[in-house]
Amino acid sequence: MTSNGSHRPEPSTTAGEREMLDGWLDYHRSTLAWKCEGLSEEQLRLTPLAPSALSLMGLVRHMAEVERYWFREIGLGADLPDLYSTRENRDGDFHFTDADTWADAEQVWRTEVELARQAAADRSLDAVSDAGSHHRGEVFSLRWVYTHMIEEYARHNGHADLLREHIDGATGE
C-alpha cells in the first residue's frame, strides 16, 4: 500500500514567516496522524524495531508531551505536570500499560496541539518564553520553538514511516 497523504495541508510556498511556520508545523502534525490512520489498537502499540521501544502510540504520546512542554510550560511559563513521564520512568510516553488506550493517547495529543495553537496565537515570533528550559535555563523566542517543533516532528515522522512500513507495508511521502 502506498499513499501520498493528500489530505495533509500543504504549506504555502510564498507565505510570510508566521504563516509558513504554522503551515509546516501543521503539515508535520497531520503527517503523524496520517501514519496512524487505519491501524488497530494492537498495531498502534507494536514495537517492531527491536531493541527500540518505539511505537506509533508512543510517538503520539511523546509529541503530546513535547507540545505541552514547549508551548505552554516554556512559552507561557505554566507549571504543568508531565503527562506520562515520572521521575522513575522518564520515558513514560513510550512505556504504557494495558490500561492505556490509543483513543486516550490521540485525544490527549489533539488537545495539546490545540492548546499549543492557543498559546502561540497572540504572541510575536520574537516573543521570548516566560520560563527557561528545565535543562539549560535558557529562554527561547517563539520562532525558535516553532523551528524546534518542526524539527522534532520531522525526526519522529521518519520513525513513524519506518514503523508503519514494518507494520503493514504502507509507505508514503
C-alpha atoms as a PDB file:
ATOM      1  CA  MET A   1       0.000   0.000   0.000  1.00  0.00           C
ATOM      2  CA  THR A   2       1.363   3.404  -0.959  1.00  0.00           C
ATOM      3  CA  SER A   3      -0.195   6.758  -0.147  1.00  0.00           C
ATOM      4  CA  ASN A   4       0.806  10.345  -0.667  1.00  0.00           C
ATOM      5  CA  GLY A   5      -1.091  11.727   2.322  1.00  0.00           C
ATOM      6  CA  SER A   6      -3.058  14.053   0.032  1.00  0.00           C
ATOM      7  CA  HIS A   7      -5.324  15.090   2.903  1.00  0.00           C
ATOM      8  CA  ARG A   8      -2.425  16.834   4.642  1.00  0.00           C
ATOM      9  CA  PRO A   9      -2.438  20.633   4.433  1.00  0.00           C
ATOM     10  CA  GLU A  10       0.357  21.667   2.069  1.00  0.00           C
ATOM     11  CA  PRO A  11       2.369  24.600   3.436  1.00  0.00           C
ATOM     12  CA  SER A  12       2.340  27.707   1.296  1.00  0.00           C
ATOM     13  CA  THR A  13       5.415  28.255  -0.835  1.00  0.00           C
ATOM     14  CA  THR A  14       5.115  32.053  -0.710  1.00  0.00           C
ATOM     15  CA  ALA A  15       3.666  32.869   2.716  1.00  0.00           C
ATOM     16  CA  GLY A  16       5.141  35.210   5.267  1.00  0.00           C
ATOM     17  CA  GLU A  17       7.243  33.765   8.049  1.00  0.00           C
ATOM     18  CA  ARG A  18       4.488  33.133  10.629  1.00  0.00           C
ATOM     19  CA  GLU A  19       2.113  31.555   8.135  1.00  0.00           C
ATOM     20  CA  MET A  20       4.981  29.458   6.778  1.00  0.00           C
ATOM     21  CA  LEU A  21       5.957  28.184  10.236  1.00  0.00           C
ATOM     22  CA  ASP A  22       2.327  27.447  11.143  1.00  0.00           C
ATOM     23  CA  GLY A  23       1.899  25.679   7.807  1.00  0.00           C
ATOM     24  CA  TRP A  24       4.930  23.441   8.206  1.00  0.00           C
ATOM     25  CA  LEU A  25       4.079  22.584  11.800  1.00  0.00           C
ATOM     26  CA  ASP A  26       0.502  21.678  10.854  1.00  0.00           C
ATOM     27  CA  TYR A  27       1.812  19.644   7.913  1.00  0.00           C
ATOM     28  CA  HIS A  28       4.013  17.594  10.231  1.00  0.00           C
ATOM     29  CA  ARG A  29       1.248  17.207  12.813  1.00  0.00           C
ATOM     30  CA  SER A  30      -1.011  15.889  10.039  1.00  0.00           C
ATOM     31  CA  THR A  31       1.732  13.558   8.846  1.00  0.00           C
ATOM     32  CA  LEU A  32       1.922  11.888  12.247  1.00  0.00           C
ATOM     33  CA  ALA A  33      -1.863  11.489  12.328  1.00  0.00           C
ATOM     34  CA  TRP A  34      -1.777  10.046   8.796  1.00  0.00           C
ATOM     35  CA  LYS A  35       0.870   7.483   9.759  1.00  0.00           C
ATOM     36  CA  CYS A  36      -1.506   6.205  12.469  1.00  0.00           C
ATOM     37  CA  GLU A  37      -4.671   6.096  10.347  1.00  0.00           C
ATOM     38  CA  GLY A  38      -6.451   2.829   9.741  1.00  0.00           C
ATOM     39  CA  LEU A  39      -4.465   0.759  12.223  1.00  0.00           C
ATOM     40  CA  SER A  40      -5.842  -1.331  15.047  1.00  0.00           C
ATOM     41  CA  GLU A  41      -5.140  -0.680  18.698  1.00  0.00           C
ATOM     42  CA  GLU A  42      -2.761  -3.638  18.653  1.00  0.00           C
ATOM     43  CA  GLN A  43      -0.863  -2.319  15.611  1.00  0.00           C
ATOM     44  CA  LEU A  44      -0.519   1.166  17.128  1.00  0.00           C
ATOM     45  CA  ARG A  45       1.057  -0.379  20.237  1.00  0.00           C
ATOM     46  CA  LEU A  46       3.555  -2.583  18.358  1.00  0.00           C
ATOM     47  CA  THR A  47       7.283  -2.075  18.928  1.00  0.00           C
ATOM     48  CA  PRO A  48       8.574  -3.902  15.850  1.00  0.00           C
ATOM     49  CA  LEU A  49      12.043  -2.378  15.686  1.00  0.00           C
ATOM     50  CA  ALA A  50      13.855  -4.188  18.498  1.00  0.00           C
ATOM     51  CA  PRO A  51      15.618  -3.263  20.623  1.00  0.00           C
ATOM     52  CA  SER A  52      13.831   0.093  20.309  1.00  0.00           C
ATOM     53  CA  ALA A  53      10.698   0.707  22.383  1.00  0.00           C
ATOM     54  CA  LEU A  54       9.271   2.965  19.637  1.00  0.00           C
ATOM     55  CA  SER A  55       5.623   2.516  18.713  1.00  0.00           C
ATOM     56  CA  LEU A  56       3.203   4.783  16.906  1.00  0.00           C
ATOM     57  CA  MET A  57       1.180   5.203  20.093  1.00  0.00           C
ATOM     58  CA  GLY A  58       4.365   6.068  21.968  1.00  0.00           C
ATOM     59  CA  LEU A  59       5.302   8.669  19.343  1.00  0.00           C
ATOM     60  CA  VAL A  60       1.883  10.320  19.647  1.00  0.00           C
ATOM     61  CA  ARG A  61       2.139  10.340  23.442  1.00  0.00           C
ATOM     62  CA  HIS A  62       5.665  11.760  23.172  1.00  0.00           C
ATOM     63  CA  MET A  63       4.554  14.549  20.853  1.00  0.00           C
ATOM     64  CA  ALA A  64       1.726  15.442  23.241  1.00  0.00           C
ATOM     65  CA  GLU A  65       4.377  15.886  25.957  1.00  0.00           C
ATOM     66  CA  VAL A  66       6.578  17.928  23.604  1.00  0.00           C
ATOM     67  CA  GLU A  67       3.705  20.231  22.520  1.00  0.00           C
ATOM     68  CA  ARG A  68       2.789  20.794  26.170  1.00  0.00           C
ATOM     69  CA  TYR A  69       6.364  21.425  27.255  1.00  0.00           C
ATOM     70  CA  TRP A  70       7.468  23.900  24.574  1.00  0.00           C
ATOM     71  CA  PHE A  71       4.321  25.924  24.010  1.00  0.00           C
ATOM     72  CA  ARG A  72       2.810  26.042  27.482  1.00  0.00           C
ATOM     73  CA  GLU A  73       5.463  25.212  30.062  1.00  0.00           C
ATOM     74  CA  ILE A  74       8.304  27.082  28.398  1.00  0.00           C
ATOM     75  CA  GLY A  75       6.407  29.539  26.205  1.00  0.00           C
ATOM     76  CA  LEU A  76       3.855  30.629  28.802  1.00  0.00           C
ATOM     77  CA  GLY A  77       5.662  29.607  31.977  1.00  0.00           C
ATOM     78  CA  ALA A  78       2.816  27.291  33.023  1.00  0.00           C
ATOM     79  CA  ASP A  79       3.611  24.891  35.845  1.00  0.00           C
ATOM     80  CA  LEU A  80       2.202  21.649  34.449  1.00  0.00           C
ATOM     81  CA  PRO A  81       2.921  18.057  35.404  1.00  0.00           C
ATOM     82  CA  ASP A  82       4.260  15.660  32.789  1.00  0.00           C
ATOM     83  CA  LEU A  83       1.535  13.735  31.037  1.00  0.00           C
ATOM     84  CA  TYR A  84       3.227  10.334  31.074  1.00  0.00           C
ATOM     85  CA  SER A  85       6.760  10.560  32.393  1.00  0.00           C
ATOM     86  CA  THR A  86       7.674  10.231  36.038  1.00  0.00           C
ATOM     87  CA  ARG A  87      10.882  10.540  37.997  1.00  0.00           C
ATOM     88  CA  GLU A  88      11.101   6.737  37.976  1.00  0.00           C
ATOM     89  CA  ASN A  89      10.126   6.394  34.310  1.00  0.00           C
ATOM     90  CA  ARG A  90      11.457   9.320  32.246  1.00  0.00           C
ATOM     91  CA  ASP A  91      10.252   7.634  29.043  1.00  0.00           C
ATOM     92  CA  GLY A  92       6.715   7.019  30.272  1.00  0.00           C
ATOM     93  CA  ASP A  93       5.333   8.301  26.988  1.00  0.00           C
ATOM     94  CA  PHE A  94       6.833   5.225  25.281  1.00  0.00           C
ATOM     95  CA  HIS A  95       6.115   2.765  28.104  1.00  0.00           C
ATOM     96  CA  PHE A  96       2.417   2.205  28.561  1.00  0.00           C
ATOM     97  CA  THR A  97       0.200  -0.365  30.231  1.00  0.00           C
ATOM     98  CA  ASP A  98      -2.806  -2.340  29.061  1.00  0.00           C
ATOM     99  CA  ALA A  99      -4.971   0.344  30.680  1.00  0.00           C
ATOM    100  CA  ASP A 100      -3.584   2.996  28.308  1.00  0.00           C
ATOM    101  CA  THR A 101      -5.544   3.238  25.060  1.00  0.00           C
ATOM    102  CA  TRP A 102      -4.989   4.693  21.623  1.00  0.00           C
ATOM    103  CA  ALA A 103      -8.222   6.701  21.931  1.00  0.00           C
ATOM    104  CA  ASP A 104      -6.918   8.395  25.066  1.00  0.00           C
ATOM    105  CA  ALA A 105      -3.454   8.990  23.589  1.00  0.00           C
ATOM    106  CA  GLU A 106      -4.881  10.501  20.412  1.00  0.00           C
ATOM    107  CA  GLN A 107      -7.309  12.723  22.327  1.00  0.00           C
ATOM    108  CA  VAL A 108      -4.607  13.999  24.669  1.00  0.00           C
ATOM    109  CA  TRP A 109      -2.326  14.748  21.693  1.00  0.00           C
ATOM    110  CA  ARG A 110      -5.068  16.590  19.783  1.00  0.00           C
ATOM    111  CA  THR A 111      -5.923  18.582  22.912  1.00  0.00           C
ATOM    112  CA  GLU A 112      -2.272  19.524  23.463  1.00  0.00           C
ATOM    113  CA  VAL A 113      -1.968  20.590  19.810  1.00  0.00           C
ATOM    114  CA  GLU A 114      -4.981  22.866  20.188  1.00  0.00           C
ATOM    115  CA  LEU A 115      -3.684  24.297  23.463  1.00  0.00           C
ATOM    116  CA  ALA A 116      -0.300  24.891  21.806  1.00  0.00           C
ATOM    117  CA  ARG A 117      -2.009  26.791  18.974  1.00  0.00           C
ATOM    118  CA  GLN A 118      -3.835  28.914  21.524  1.00  0.00           C
ATOM    119  CA  ALA A 119      -0.640  29.557  23.497  1.00  0.00           C
ATOM    120  CA  ALA A 120       1.138  30.822  20.371  1.00  0.00           C
ATOM    121  CA  ALA A 121      -1.761  32.630  18.688  1.00  0.00           C
ATOM    122  CA  ASP A 122      -1.303  36.110  20.150  1.00  0.00           C
ATOM    123  CA  ARG A 123       2.460  36.011  20.562  1.00  0.00           C
ATOM    124  CA  SER A 124       5.002  37.506  18.210  1.00  0.00           C
ATOM    125  CA  LEU A 125       7.673  35.230  16.777  1.00  0.00           C
ATOM    126  CA  ASP A 126      10.132  37.482  18.607  1.00  0.00           C
ATOM    127  CA  ALA A 127       8.362  36.974  21.957  1.00  0.00           C
ATOM    128  CA  VAL A 128      10.663  35.390  24.500  1.00  0.00           C
ATOM    129  CA  SER A 129       9.444  32.488  26.600  1.00  0.00           C
ATOM    130  CA  ASP A 130       8.094  33.158  30.056  1.00  0.00           C
ATOM    131  CA  ALA A 131      10.166  30.308  31.505  1.00  0.00           C
ATOM    132  CA  GLY A 132      13.589  28.867  30.966  1.00  0.00           C
ATOM    133  CA  SER A 133      14.265  25.333  29.871  1.00  0.00           C
ATOM    134  CA  HIS A 134      14.491  22.823  32.681  1.00  0.00           C
ATOM    135  CA  HIS A 135      17.656  21.523  31.052  1.00  0.00           C
ATOM    136  CA  ARG A 136      19.612  24.678  30.283  1.00  0.00           C
ATOM    137  CA  GLY A 137      17.737  27.500  31.981  1.00  0.00           C
ATOM    138  CA  GLU A 138      17.720  29.494  28.738  1.00  0.00           C
ATOM    139  CA  VAL A 139      14.733  31.375  27.378  1.00  0.00           C
ATOM    140  CA  PHE A 140      13.595  30.922  23.777  1.00  0.00           C
ATOM    141  CA  SER A 141      11.871  33.006  21.127  1.00  0.00           C
ATOM    142  CA  LEU A 142       8.610  31.673  19.750  1.00  0.00           C
ATOM    143  CA  ARG A 143      10.400  31.471  16.381  1.00  0.00           C
ATOM    144  CA  TRP A 144      12.924  29.068  17.934  1.00  0.00           C
ATOM    145  CA  VAL A 145      10.111  26.982  19.442  1.00  0.00           C
ATOM    146  CA  TYR A 146       8.371  26.699  16.066  1.00  0.00           C
ATOM    147  CA  THR A 147      11.610  25.714  14.353  1.00  0.00           C
ATOM    148  CA  HIS A 148      12.377  23.156  17.040  1.00  0.00           C
ATOM    149  CA  MET A 149       8.860  21.682  16.871  1.00  0.00           C
ATOM    150  CA  ILE A 150       9.087  21.305  13.088  1.00  0.00           C
ATOM    151  CA  GLU A 151      12.425  19.527  13.529  1.00  0.00           C
ATOM    152  CA  GLU A 152      11.022  17.327  16.312  1.00  0.00           C
ATOM    153  CA  TYR A 153       8.029  16.254  14.233  1.00  0.00           C
ATOM    154  CA  ALA A 154      10.144  15.717  11.106  1.00  0.00           C
ATOM    155  CA  ARG A 155      12.516  13.420  13.015  1.00  0.00           C
ATOM    156  CA  HIS A 156       9.748  11.426  14.640  1.00  0.00           C
ATOM    157  CA  ASN A 157       7.739  11.248  11.429  1.00  0.00           C
ATOM    158  CA  GLY A 158      10.740   9.458   9.961  1.00  0.00           C
ATOM    159  CA  HIS A 159      10.438   6.971  12.808  1.00  0.00           C
ATOM    160  CA  ALA A 160       6.703   6.704  12.118  1.00  0.00           C
ATOM    161  CA  ASP A 161       7.441   5.963   8.443  1.00  0.00           C
ATOM    162  CA  LEU A 162       9.647   3.033   9.413  1.00  0.00           C
ATOM    163  CA  LEU A 163       7.172   1.732  11.978  1.00  0.00           C
ATOM    164  CA  ARG A 164       4.214   1.948   9.602  1.00  0.00           C
ATOM    165  CA  GLU A 165       6.079   0.242   6.764  1.00  0.00           C
ATOM    166  CA  HIS A 166       7.089  -2.568   9.109  1.00  0.00           C
ATOM    167  CA  ILE A 167       3.542  -2.939  10.491  1.00  0.00           C
ATOM    168  CA  ASP A 168       1.567  -3.138   7.237  1.00  0.00           C
ATOM    169  CA  GLY A 169       3.831  -2.213   4.345  1.00  0.00           C
ATOM    170  CA  ALA A 170       2.324   1.263   3.923  1.00  0.00           C
ATOM    171  CA  THR A 171       4.752   3.818   2.567  1.00  0.00           C
ATOM    172  CA  GLY A 172       4.380   7.410   1.502  1.00  0.00           C
ATOM    173  CA  GLU A 173       5.934  10.802   1.217  1.00  0.00           C
END
